[in-house]
Amino acid sequence: AAVVMGVSIGSARTHYDRGKKRLRELLEESEDLYESEWERKVNRATV
């Protein structure tokens, strides 16, 4: 991947590790959003 991207192996590893961490955060944010939307549909009194 480092060769394809034209970067050093250390740089590729850093991009890979940071990417996994950030992707996990974004997916958790999406999951929280969906759970809150679902809760509002089940209990319409929820504000």
All heavy atoms as atom14 arrays in JSON, in Angstrom:
{
  "sequence": "AAVVMGVSIGSARTHYDRGKKRLRELLEESEDLYESEWERKVNRATV",
  "atom14_mask": [
    [1, 1, 1, 1, 1, 0, 0, 0, 0, 0, 0, 0, 0, 0],
    [1, 1, 1, 1, 1, 0, 0, 0, 0, 0, 0, 0, 0, 0],
    [1, 1, 1, 1, 1, 1, 1, 0, 0, 0, 0, 0, 0, 0],
    [1, 1, 1, 1, 1, 1, 1, 0, 0, 0, 0, 0, 0, 0],
    [1, 1, 1, 1, 1, 1, 1, 1, 0, 0, 0, 0, 0, 0],
    [1, 1, 1, 1, 0, 0, 0, 0, 0, 0, 0, 0, 0, 0],
    [1, 1, 1, 1, 1, 1, 1, 0, 0, 0, 0, 0, 0, 0],
    [1, 1, 1, 1, 1, 1, 0, 0, 0, 0, 0, 0, 0, 0],
    [1, 1, 1, 1, 1, 1, 1, 1, 0, 0, 0, 0, 0, 0],
    [1, 1, 1, 1, 0, 0, 0, 0, 0, 0, 0, 0, 0, 0],
    [1, 1, 1, 1, 1, 1, 0, 0, 0, 0, 0, 0, 0, 0],
    [1, 1, 1, 1, 1, 0, 0, 0, 0, 0, 0, 0, 0, 0],
    [1, 1, 1, 1, 1, 1, 1, 1, 1, 1, 1, 0, 0, 0],
    [1, 1, 1, 1, 1, 1, 1, 0, 0, 0, 0, 0, 0, 0],
    [1, 1, 1, 1, 1, 1, 1, 1, 1, 1, 0, 0, 0, 0],
    [1, 1, 1, 1, 1, 1, 1, 1, 1, 1, 1, 1, 0, 0],
    [1, 1, 1, 1, 1, 1, 1, 1, 0, 0, 0, 0, 0, 0],
    [1, 1, 1, 1, 1, 1, 1, 1, 1, 1, 1, 0, 0, 0],
    [1, 1, 1, 1, 0, 0, 0, 0, 0, 0, 0, 0, 0, 0],
    [1, 1, 1, 1, 1, 1, 1, 1, 1, 0, 0, 0, 0, 0],
    [1, 1, 1, 1, 1, 1, 1, 1, 1, 0, 0, 0, 0, 0],
    [1, 1, 1, 1, 1, 1, 1, 1, 1, 1, 1, 0, 0, 0],
    [1, 1, 1, 1, 1, 1, 1, 1, 0, 0, 0, 0, 0, 0],
    [1, 1, 1, 1, 1, 1, 1, 1, 1, 1, 1, 0, 0, 0],
    [1, 1, 1, 1, 1, 1, 1, 1, 1, 0, 0, 0, 0, 0],
    [1, 1, 1, 1, 1, 1, 1, 1, 0, 0, 0, 0, 0, 0],
    [1, 1, 1, 1, 1, 1, 1, 1, 0, 0, 0, 0, 0, 0],
    [1, 1, 1, 1, 1, 1, 1, 1, 1, 0, 0, 0, 0, 0],
    [1, 1, 1, 1, 1, 1, 1, 1, 1, 0, 0, 0, 0, 0],
    [1, 1, 1, 1, 1, 1, 0, 0, 0, 0, 0, 0, 0, 0],
    [1, 1, 1, 1, 1, 1, 1, 1, 1, 0, 0, 0, 0, 0],
    [1, 1, 1, 1, 1, 1, 1, 1, 0, 0, 0, 0, 0, 0],
    [1, 1, 1, 1, 1, 1, 1, 1, 0, 0, 0, 0, 0, 0],
    [1, 1, 1, 1, 1, 1, 1, 1, 1, 1, 1, 1, 0, 0],
    [1, 1, 1, 1, 1, 1, 1, 1, 1, 0, 0, 0, 0, 0],
    [1, 1, 1, 1, 1, 1, 0, 0, 0, 0, 0, 0, 0, 0],
    [1, 1, 1, 1, 1, 1, 1, 1, 1, 0, 0, 0, 0, 0],
    [1, 1, 1, 1, 1, 1, 1, 1, 1, 1, 1, 1, 1, 1],
    [1, 1, 1, 1, 1, 1, 1, 1, 1, 0, 0, 0, 0, 0],
    [1, 1, 1, 1, 1, 1, 1, 1, 1, 1, 1, 0, 0, 0],
    [1, 1, 1, 1, 1, 1, 1, 1, 1, 0, 0, 0, 0, 0],
    [1, 1, 1, 1, 1, 1, 1, 0, 0, 0, 0, 0, 0, 0],
    [1, 1, 1, 1, 1, 1, 1, 1, 0, 0, 0, 0, 0, 0],
    [1, 1, 1, 1, 1, 1, 1, 1, 1, 1, 1, 0, 0, 0],
    [1, 1, 1, 1, 1, 0, 0, 0, 0, 0, 0, 0, 0, 0],
    [1, 1, 1, 1, 1, 1, 1, 0, 0, 0, 0, 0, 0, 0],
    [1, 1, 1, 1, 1, 1, 1, 0, 0, 0, 0, 0, 0, 0]
  ],
  "atom14_positions": [
    [[0.84, -1.2, 0.0], [0.0, 0.0, 0.0], [0.87, 1.25, 0.0], [0.56, 2.23, -0.68], [-0.93, 0.0, 1.21], [0.0, 0.0, 0.0], [0.0, 0.0, 0.0], [0.0, 0.0, 0.0], [0.0, 0.0, 0.0], [0.0, 0.0, 0.0], [0.0, 0.0, 0.0], [0.0, 0.0, 0.0], [0.0, 0.0, 0.0], [0.0, 0.0, 0.0]],
    [[1.97, 1.22, 0.73], [2.88, 2.36, 0.78], [3.45, 2.66, -0.61], [3.54, 3.81, -1.03], [4.01, 2.1, 1.77], [0.0, 0.0, 0.0], [0.0, 0.0, 0.0], [0.0, 0.0, 0.0], [0.0, 0.0, 0.0], [0.0, 0.0, 0.0], [0.0, 0.0, 0.0], [0.0, 0.0, 0.0], [0.0, 0.0, 0.0], [0.0, 0.0, 0.0]],
    [[3.8, 1.6, -1.34], [4.34, 1.78, -2.69], [3.27, 2.39, -3.6], [3.54, 3.33, -4.35], [4.85, 0.44, -3.27], [5.22, 0.58, -4.74], [6.05, -0.06, -2.47], [0.0, 0.0, 0.0], [0.0, 0.0, 0.0], [0.0, 0.0, 0.0], [0.0, 0.0, 0.0], [0.0, 0.0, 0.0], [0.0, 0.0, 0.0], [0.0, 0.0, 0.0]],
    [[2.05, 1.86, -3.54], [0.96, 2.38, -4.37], [0.7, 3.85, -4.05], [0.51, 4.66, -4.95], [-0.33, 1.56, -4.17], [-1.52, 2.22, -4.84], [-0.16, 0.15, -4.7], [0.0, 0.0, 0.0], [0.0, 0.0, 0.0], [0.0, 0.0, 0.0], [0.0, 0.0, 0.0], [0.0, 0.0, 0.0], [0.0, 0.0, 0.0], [0.0, 0.0, 0.0]],
    [[0.71, 4.2, -2.77], [0.42, 5.56, -2.34], [1.61, 6.5, -2.54], [1.45, 7.71, -2.47], [0.01, 5.56, -0.86], [-1.3, 4.84, -0.59], [-1.61, 4.55, 1.17], [-1.7, 6.21, 1.78], [0.0, 0.0, 0.0], [0.0, 0.0, 0.0], [0.0, 0.0, 0.0], [0.0, 0.0, 0.0], [0.0, 0.0, 0.0], [0.0, 0.0, 0.0]],
    [[2.79, 5.94, -2.76], [3.98, 6.77, -2.95], [4.49, 7.38, -1.66], [5.0, 8.5, -1.66], [0.0, 0.0, 0.0], [0.0, 0.0, 0.0], [0.0, 0.0, 0.0], [0.0, 0.0, 0.0], [0.0, 0.0, 0.0], [0.0, 0.0, 0.0], [0.0, 0.0, 0.0], [0.0, 0.0, 0.0], [0.0, 0.0, 0.0], [0.0, 0.0, 0.0]],
    [[4.35, 6.65, -0.53], [4.8, 7.13, 0.77], [5.65, 6.04, 1.43], [5.7, 4.91, 0.97], [3.62, 7.48, 1.71], [2.78, 8.62, 1.11], [2.74, 6.28, 1.98], [0.0, 0.0, 0.0], [0.0, 0.0, 0.0], [0.0, 0.0, 0.0], [0.0, 0.0, 0.0], [0.0, 0.0, 0.0], [0.0, 0.0, 0.0], [0.0, 0.0, 0.0]],
    [[6.3, 6.39, 2.54], [7.1, 5.41, 3.27], [6.18, 4.43, 4.0], [5.0, 4.73, 4.23], [8.0, 6.11, 4.28], [7.22, 6.66, 5.34], [0.0, 0.0, 0.0], [0.0, 0.0, 0.0], [0.0, 0.0, 0.0], [0.0, 0.0, 0.0], [0.0, 0.0, 0.0], [0.0, 0.0, 0.0], [0.0, 0.0, 0.0], [0.0, 0.0, 0.0]],
    [[6.73, 3.3, 4.41], [5.94, 2.3, 5.14], [5.44, 2.88, 6.46], [4.32, 2.64, 6.88], [6.72, 0.98, 5.35], [5.88, -0.06, 6.09], [8.0, 1.22, 6.13], [4.74, -0.61, 5.3], [0.0, 0.0, 0.0], [0.0, 0.0, 0.0], [0.0, 0.0, 0.0], [0.0, 0.0, 0.0], [0.0, 0.0, 0.0], [0.0, 0.0, 0.0]],
    [[6.28, 3.7, 7.12], [5.86, 4.34, 8.37], [4.69, 5.27, 8.17], [3.75, 5.3, 8.97], [0.0, 0.0, 0.0], [0.0, 0.0, 0.0], [0.0, 0.0, 0.0], [0.0, 0.0, 0.0], [0.0, 0.0, 0.0], [0.0, 0.0, 0.0], [0.0, 0.0, 0.0], [0.0, 0.0, 0.0], [0.0, 0.0, 0.0], [0.0, 0.0, 0.0]],
    [[4.74, 6.03, 7.11], [3.65, 6.94, 6.79], [2.38, 6.16, 6.46], [1.28, 6.51, 6.92], [4.04, 7.84, 5.62], [3.01, 8.73, 5.31], [0.0, 0.0, 0.0], [0.0, 0.0, 0.0], [0.0, 0.0, 0.0], [0.0, 0.0, 0.0], [0.0, 0.0, 0.0], [0.0, 0.0, 0.0], [0.0, 0.0, 0.0], [0.0, 0.0, 0.0]],
    [[2.51, 5.1, 5.69], [1.34, 4.26, 5.35], [0.74, 3.66, 6.62], [-0.49, 3.63, 6.78], [1.74, 3.16, 4.38], [0.0, 0.0, 0.0], [0.0, 0.0, 0.0], [0.0, 0.0, 0.0], [0.0, 0.0, 0.0], [0.0, 0.0, 0.0], [0.0, 0.0, 0.0], [0.0, 0.0, 0.0], [0.0, 0.0, 0.0], [0.0, 0.0, 0.0]],
    [[1.59, 3.2, 7.52], [1.11, 2.6, 8.78], [0.37, 3.66, 9.6], [-0.68, 3.38, 10.19], [2.28, 2.03, 9.57], [1.84, 1.29, 10.82], [2.99, 0.56, 11.51], [3.3, -0.65, 10.75], [4.46, -0.85, 10.12], [5.41, 0.04, 10.14], [4.66, -1.97, 9.46], [0.0, 0.0, 0.0], [0.0, 0.0, 0.0], [0.0, 0.0, 0.0]],
    [[0.9, 4.88, 9.64], [0.25, 5.96, 10.38], [-1.11, 6.28, 9.77], [-2.12, 6.4, 10.49], [1.13, 7.23, 10.37], [2.38, 6.91, 11.0], [0.47, 8.37, 11.1], [0.0, 0.0, 0.0], [0.0, 0.0, 0.0], [0.0, 0.0, 0.0], [0.0, 0.0, 0.0], [0.0, 0.0, 0.0], [0.0, 0.0, 0.0], [0.0, 0.0, 0.0]],
    [[-1.18, 6.41, 8.45], [-2.46, 6.68, 7.78], [-3.45, 5.55, 8.04], [-4.63, 5.79, 8.29], [-2.27, 6.86, 6.27], [-1.51, 8.08, 5.9], [-1.89, 9.35, 6.28], [-0.38, 8.24, 5.17], [-1.04, 10.24, 5.81], [-0.12, 9.6, 5.13], [0.0, 0.0, 0.0], [0.0, 0.0, 0.0], [0.0, 0.0, 0.0], [0.0, 0.0, 0.0]],
    [[-2.97, 4.31, 8.0], [-3.8, 3.14, 8.22], [-4.36, 3.14, 9.65], [-5.57, 2.99, 9.86], [-2.97, 1.89, 7.96], [-3.64, 0.58, 8.28], [-4.61, 0.06, 7.45], [-3.28, -0.14, 9.42], [-5.21, -1.15, 7.73], [-3.87, -1.35, 9.7], [-4.84, -1.85, 8.87], [-5.43, -3.04, 9.16], [0.0, 0.0, 0.0], [0.0, 0.0, 0.0]],
    [[-3.49, 3.34, 10.63], [-3.92, 3.32, 12.04], [-4.88, 4.47, 12.35], [-5.92, 4.27, 12.98], [-2.72, 3.38, 12.98], [-1.9, 2.1, 12.97], [-2.47, 1.03, 12.62], [-0.7, 2.14, 13.31], [0.0, 0.0, 0.0], [0.0, 0.0, 0.0], [0.0, 0.0, 0.0], [0.0, 0.0, 0.0], [0.0, 0.0, 0.0], [0.0, 0.0, 0.0]],
    [[-4.54, 5.66, 11.88], [-5.42, 6.81, 12.12], [-6.75, 6.64, 11.38], [-7.81, 7.03, 11.88], [-4.74, 8.1, 11.68], [-3.61, 8.51, 12.6], [-2.95, 9.77, 12.15], [-1.84, 10.11, 13.02], [-0.94, 11.03, 12.76], [-1.03, 11.75, 11.63], [0.03, 11.28, 13.59], [0.0, 0.0, 0.0], [0.0, 0.0, 0.0], [0.0, 0.0, 0.0]],
    [[-6.7, 6.07, 10.19], [-7.91, 5.83, 9.42], [-8.85, 4.87, 10.13], [-10.06, 5.1, 10.18], [0.0, 0.0, 0.0], [0.0, 0.0, 0.0], [0.0, 0.0, 0.0], [0.0, 0.0, 0.0], [0.0, 0.0, 0.0], [0.0, 0.0, 0.0], [0.0, 0.0, 0.0], [0.0, 0.0, 0.0], [0.0, 0.0, 0.0], [0.0, 0.0, 0.0]],
    [[-8.3, 3.78, 10.66], [-9.13, 2.81, 11.4], [-9.78, 3.47, 12.61], [-10.98, 3.29, 12.86], [-8.31, 1.61, 11.86], [-7.98, 0.62, 10.79], [-7.47, -0.7, 11.33], [-6.41, -0.58, 12.37], [-5.85, -1.85, 12.8], [0.0, 0.0, 0.0], [0.0, 0.0, 0.0], [0.0, 0.0, 0.0], [0.0, 0.0, 0.0], [0.0, 0.0, 0.0]],
    [[-8.99, 4.25, 13.34], [-9.51, 4.91, 14.54], [-10.62, 5.9, 14.17], [-11.69, 5.9, 14.78], [-8.38, 5.64, 15.27], [-8.83, 6.33, 16.53], [-7.67, 7.05, 17.2], [-8.16, 7.79, 18.43], [-7.13, 8.62, 19.01], [0.0, 0.0, 0.0], [0.0, 0.0, 0.0], [0.0, 0.0, 0.0], [0.0, 0.0, 0.0], [0.0, 0.0, 0.0]],
    [[-10.38, 6.72, 13.17], [-11.38, 7.73, 12.78], [-12.63, 7.07, 12.19], [-13.75, 7.51, 12.45], [-10.76, 8.71, 11.76], [-11.71, 9.8, 11.34], [-12.07, 10.72, 12.48], [-13.01, 11.74, 12.0], [-14.06, 12.14, 12.67], [-14.3, 11.68, 13.87], [-14.88, 13.03, 12.16], [0.0, 0.0, 0.0], [0.0, 0.0, 0.0], [0.0, 0.0, 0.0]],
    [[-12.45, 6.01, 11.4], [-13.59, 5.3, 10.83], [-14.45, 4.72, 11.95], [-15.68, 4.81, 11.9], [-13.11, 4.19, 9.89], [-14.19, 3.42, 9.15], [-15.0, 4.34, 8.24], [-13.55, 2.31, 8.32], [0.0, 0.0, 0.0], [0.0, 0.0, 0.0], [0.0, 0.0, 0.0], [0.0, 0.0, 0.0], [0.0, 0.0, 0.0], [0.0, 0.0, 0.0]],
    [[-13.83, 4.15, 12.96], [-14.56, 3.62, 14.1], [-15.38, 4.73, 14.77], [-16.56, 4.55, 15.09], [-13.6, 2.99, 15.11], [-14.29, 2.29, 16.27], [-13.31, 1.62, 17.23], [-12.47, 0.64, 16.55], [-11.14, 0.74, 16.41], [-10.5, 1.76, 16.93], [-10.46, -0.19, 15.77], [0.0, 0.0, 0.0], [0.0, 0.0, 0.0], [0.0, 0.0, 0.0]],
    [[-14.76, 5.91, 14.97], [-15.46, 7.05, 15.58], [-16.66, 7.47, 14.73], [-17.75, 7.72, 15.26], [-14.51, 8.24, 15.75], [-13.43, 8.02, 16.78], [-12.34, 9.1, 16.74], [-12.42, 10.0, 15.87], [-11.43, 9.02, 17.57], [0.0, 0.0, 0.0], [0.0, 0.0, 0.0], [0.0, 0.0, 0.0], [0.0, 0.0, 0.0], [0.0, 0.0, 0.0]],
    [[-16.46, 7.57, 13.43], [-17.55, 7.99, 12.54], [-18.69, 6.98, 12.55], [-19.87, 7.36, 12.53], [-17.03, 8.19, 11.12], [-16.09, 9.37, 10.91], [-15.43, 9.31, 9.53], [-16.83, 10.68, 11.1], [0.0, 0.0, 0.0], [0.0, 0.0, 0.0], [0.0, 0.0, 0.0], [0.0, 0.0, 0.0], [0.0, 0.0, 0.0], [0.0, 0.0, 0.0]],
    [[-18.35, 5.7, 12.56], [-19.4, 4.67, 12.59], [-20.14, 4.68, 13.91], [-21.36, 4.47, 13.95], [-18.8, 3.3, 12.3], [-18.3, 3.1, 10.87], [-17.59, 1.77, 10.73], [-19.43, 3.23, 9.87], [0.0, 0.0, 0.0], [0.0, 0.0, 0.0], [0.0, 0.0, 0.0], [0.0, 0.0, 0.0], [0.0, 0.0, 0.0], [0.0, 0.0, 0.0]],
    [[-19.43, 4.94, 15.01], [-20.1, 5.03, 16.32], [-21.04, 6.24, 16.35], [-22.14, 6.15, 16.89], [-19.08, 5.11, 17.44], [-18.4, 3.78, 17.71], [-17.23, 3.88, 18.69], [-16.9, 5.0, 19.14], [-16.65, 2.82, 18.98], [0.0, 0.0, 0.0], [0.0, 0.0, 0.0], [0.0, 0.0, 0.0], [0.0, 0.0, 0.0], [0.0, 0.0, 0.0]],
    [[-20.62, 7.36, 15.75], [-21.49, 8.53, 15.66], [-22.75, 8.19, 14.86], [-23.85, 8.56, 15.25], [-20.77, 9.69, 14.98], [-19.7, 10.34, 15.81], [-18.9, 11.37, 15.02], [-19.34, 11.76, 13.92], [-17.85, 11.79, 15.52], [0.0, 0.0, 0.0], [0.0, 0.0, 0.0], [0.0, 0.0, 0.0], [0.0, 0.0, 0.0], [0.0, 0.0, 0.0]],
    [[-22.59, 7.47, 13.76], [-23.73, 7.08, 12.93], [-24.65, 6.16, 13.71], [-25.87, 6.27, 13.64], [-23.25, 6.38, 11.67], [-22.54, 7.27, 10.85], [0.0, 0.0, 0.0], [0.0, 0.0, 0.0], [0.0, 0.0, 0.0], [0.0, 0.0, 0.0], [0.0, 0.0, 0.0], [0.0, 0.0, 0.0], [0.0, 0.0, 0.0], [0.0, 0.0, 0.0]],
    [[-24.06, 5.22, 14.47], [-24.87, 4.29, 15.26], [-25.67, 5.03, 16.31], [-26.86, 4.77, 16.5], [-23.93, 3.27, 15.93], [-24.64, 2.2, 16.72], [-23.66, 1.21, 17.29], [-22.93, 0.58, 16.51], [-23.62, 1.08, 18.53], [0.0, 0.0, 0.0], [0.0, 0.0, 0.0], [0.0, 0.0, 0.0], [0.0, 0.0, 0.0], [0.0, 0.0, 0.0]],
    [[-25.05, 6.01, 16.99], [-25.77, 6.8, 17.99], [-26.92, 7.56, 17.34], [-28.0, 7.65, 17.88], [-24.82, 7.79, 18.67], [-23.8, 7.1, 19.57], [-24.03, 5.92, 19.93], [-22.78, 7.73, 19.91], [0.0, 0.0, 0.0], [0.0, 0.0, 0.0], [0.0, 0.0, 0.0], [0.0, 0.0, 0.0], [0.0, 0.0, 0.0], [0.0, 0.0, 0.0]],
    [[-26.69, 8.11, 16.14], [-27.73, 8.84, 15.42], [-28.9, 7.91, 15.12], [-30.05, 8.27, 15.35], [-27.17, 9.42, 14.13], [-28.18, 10.08, 13.19], [-28.73, 11.34, 13.84], [-27.53, 10.4, 11.87], [0.0, 0.0, 0.0], [0.0, 0.0, 0.0], [0.0, 0.0, 0.0], [0.0, 0.0, 0.0], [0.0, 0.0, 0.0], [0.0, 0.0, 0.0]],
    [[-28.62, 6.7, 14.61], [-29.7, 5.78, 14.27], [-30.45, 5.32, 15.52], [-31.65, 5.2, 15.5], [-29.15, 4.57, 13.51], [-28.98, 4.86, 12.06], [-27.73, 5.11, 11.51], [-30.07, 4.92, 11.21], [-27.57, 5.41, 10.18], [-29.93, 5.22, 9.88], [-28.67, 5.47, 9.37], [-28.54, 5.77, 8.05], [0.0, 0.0, 0.0], [0.0, 0.0, 0.0]],
    [[-29.73, 5.07, 16.61], [-30.41, 4.64, 17.82], [-31.34, 5.73, 18.33], [-32.45, 5.47, 18.74], [-29.38, 4.26, 18.9], [-28.71, 2.94, 18.61], [-27.64, 2.6, 19.63], [-27.44, 3.36, 20.6], [-27.01, 1.55, 19.46], [0.0, 0.0, 0.0], [0.0, 0.0, 0.0], [0.0, 0.0, 0.0], [0.0, 0.0, 0.0], [0.0, 0.0, 0.0]],
    [[-30.89, 6.99, 18.28], [-31.74, 8.08, 18.77], [-32.95, 8.26, 17.87], [-34.05, 8.53, 18.35], [-30.94, 9.38, 18.9], [-30.52, 9.83, 17.64], [0.0, 0.0, 0.0], [0.0, 0.0, 0.0], [0.0, 0.0, 0.0], [0.0, 0.0, 0.0], [0.0, 0.0, 0.0], [0.0, 0.0, 0.0], [0.0, 0.0, 0.0], [0.0, 0.0, 0.0]],
    [[-32.81, 8.1, 16.55], [-33.95, 8.21, 15.64], [-34.94, 7.08, 15.9], [-36.15, 7.27, 15.91], [-33.48, 8.18, 14.19], [-32.84, 9.46, 13.74], [-32.36, 9.4, 12.3], [-32.67, 8.41, 11.59], [-31.68, 10.34, 11.87], [0.0, 0.0, 0.0], [0.0, 0.0, 0.0], [0.0, 0.0, 0.0], [0.0, 0.0, 0.0], [0.0, 0.0, 0.0]],
    [[-34.43, 5.87, 16.15], [-35.29, 4.73, 16.41], [-36.06, 4.93, 17.7], [-37.25, 4.67, 17.77], [-34.45, 3.46, 16.48], [-35.3, 2.24, 16.68], [-36.02, 1.58, 15.75], [-35.52, 1.56, 17.92], [-36.68, 0.51, 16.31], [-36.39, 0.48, 17.64], [-35.08, 1.75, 19.21], [-36.8, -0.39, 18.63], [-35.5, 0.87, 20.18], [-36.36, -0.17, 19.89]],
    [[-35.39, 5.44, 18.75], [-36.06, 5.68, 20.02], [-37.19, 6.67, 19.87], [-38.25, 6.52, 20.46], [-35.06, 6.18, 21.07], [-34.09, 5.11, 21.54], [-32.95, 5.69, 22.39], [-32.94, 6.91, 22.65], [-32.08, 4.9, 22.77], [0.0, 0.0, 0.0], [0.0, 0.0, 0.0], [0.0, 0.0, 0.0], [0.0, 0.0, 0.0], [0.0, 0.0, 0.0]],
    [[-37.0, 7.72, 19.07], [-38.06, 8.71, 18.86], [-39.24, 8.09, 18.14], [-40.38, 8.44, 18.39], [-37.52, 9.91, 18.08], [-36.72, 10.86, 18.94], [-36.51, 12.17, 18.21], [-35.65, 12.0, 17.07], [-34.36, 12.31, 17.04], [-33.79, 12.82, 18.1], [-33.64, 12.14, 15.95], [0.0, 0.0, 0.0], [0.0, 0.0, 0.0], [0.0, 0.0, 0.0]],
    [[-39.0, 7.15, 17.22], [-40.1, 6.52, 16.49], [-40.89, 5.59, 17.41], [-42.1, 5.49, 17.32], [-39.57, 5.75, 15.28], [-39.11, 6.67, 14.18], [-38.57, 5.89, 13.02], [-38.03, 6.85, 11.97], [-37.39, 6.18, 10.86], [0.0, 0.0, 0.0], [0.0, 0.0, 0.0], [0.0, 0.0, 0.0], [0.0, 0.0, 0.0], [0.0, 0.0, 0.0]],
    [[-40.17, 4.89, 18.3], [-40.85, 3.97, 19.22], [-41.61, 4.74, 20.28], [-42.75, 4.43, 20.6], [-39.82, 3.02, 19.88], [-40.46, 2.21, 20.98], [-39.22, 2.11, 18.82], [0.0, 0.0, 0.0], [0.0, 0.0, 0.0], [0.0, 0.0, 0.0], [0.0, 0.0, 0.0], [0.0, 0.0, 0.0], [0.0, 0.0, 0.0], [0.0, 0.0, 0.0]],
    [[-41.0, 5.78, 20.84], [-41.63, 6.56, 21.87], [-41.71, 8.01, 21.39], [-40.81, 8.8, 21.61], [-40.81, 6.45, 23.17], [-41.44, 7.2, 24.33], [-42.51, 7.81, 24.17], [-40.79, 7.17, 25.48], [0.0, 0.0, 0.0], [0.0, 0.0, 0.0], [0.0, 0.0, 0.0], [0.0, 0.0, 0.0], [0.0, 0.0, 0.0], [0.0, 0.0, 0.0]],
    [[-42.78, 8.35, 20.76], [-42.92, 9.66, 20.15], [-42.93, 10.8, 21.18], [-42.75, 11.95, 20.84], [-44.18, 9.72, 19.29], [-44.12, 8.75, 18.14], [-45.24, 9.0, 17.16], [-45.29, 7.99, 16.14], [-44.54, 7.99, 15.05], [-43.7, 8.96, 14.85], [-44.65, 7.02, 14.16], [0.0, 0.0, 0.0], [0.0, 0.0, 0.0], [0.0, 0.0, 0.0]],
    [[-43.13, 10.46, 22.46], [-43.13, 11.49, 23.51], [-41.71, 11.91, 23.87], [-41.52, 12.9, 24.57], [-43.85, 10.96, 24.75], [0.0, 0.0, 0.0], [0.0, 0.0, 0.0], [0.0, 0.0, 0.0], [0.0, 0.0, 0.0], [0.0, 0.0, 0.0], [0.0, 0.0, 0.0], [0.0, 0.0, 0.0], [0.0, 0.0, 0.0], [0.0, 0.0, 0.0]],
    [[-40.72, 11.15, 23.42], [-39.33, 11.46, 23.73], [-38.93, 12.77, 23.06], [-39.15, 12.98, 21.89], [-38.39, 10.35, 23.23], [-38.81, 9.12, 23.8], [-36.95, 10.63, 23.6], [0.0, 0.0, 0.0], [0.0, 0.0, 0.0], [0.0, 0.0, 0.0], [0.0, 0.0, 0.0], [0.0, 0.0, 0.0], [0.0, 0.0, 0.0], [0.0, 0.0, 0.0]],
    [[-38.36, 13.66, 23.86], [-37.89, 14.93, 23.33], [-36.38, 14.96, 23.44], [-35.82, 14.68, 24.47], [-38.5, 16.12, 24.12], [-37.96, 17.43, 23.6], [-40.0, 16.05, 24.07], [0.0, 0.0, 0.0], [0.0, 0.0, 0.0], [0.0, 0.0, 0.0], [0.0, 0.0, 0.0], [0.0, 0.0, 0.0], [0.0, 0.0, 0.0], [0.0, 0.0, 0.0]]
  ]
}
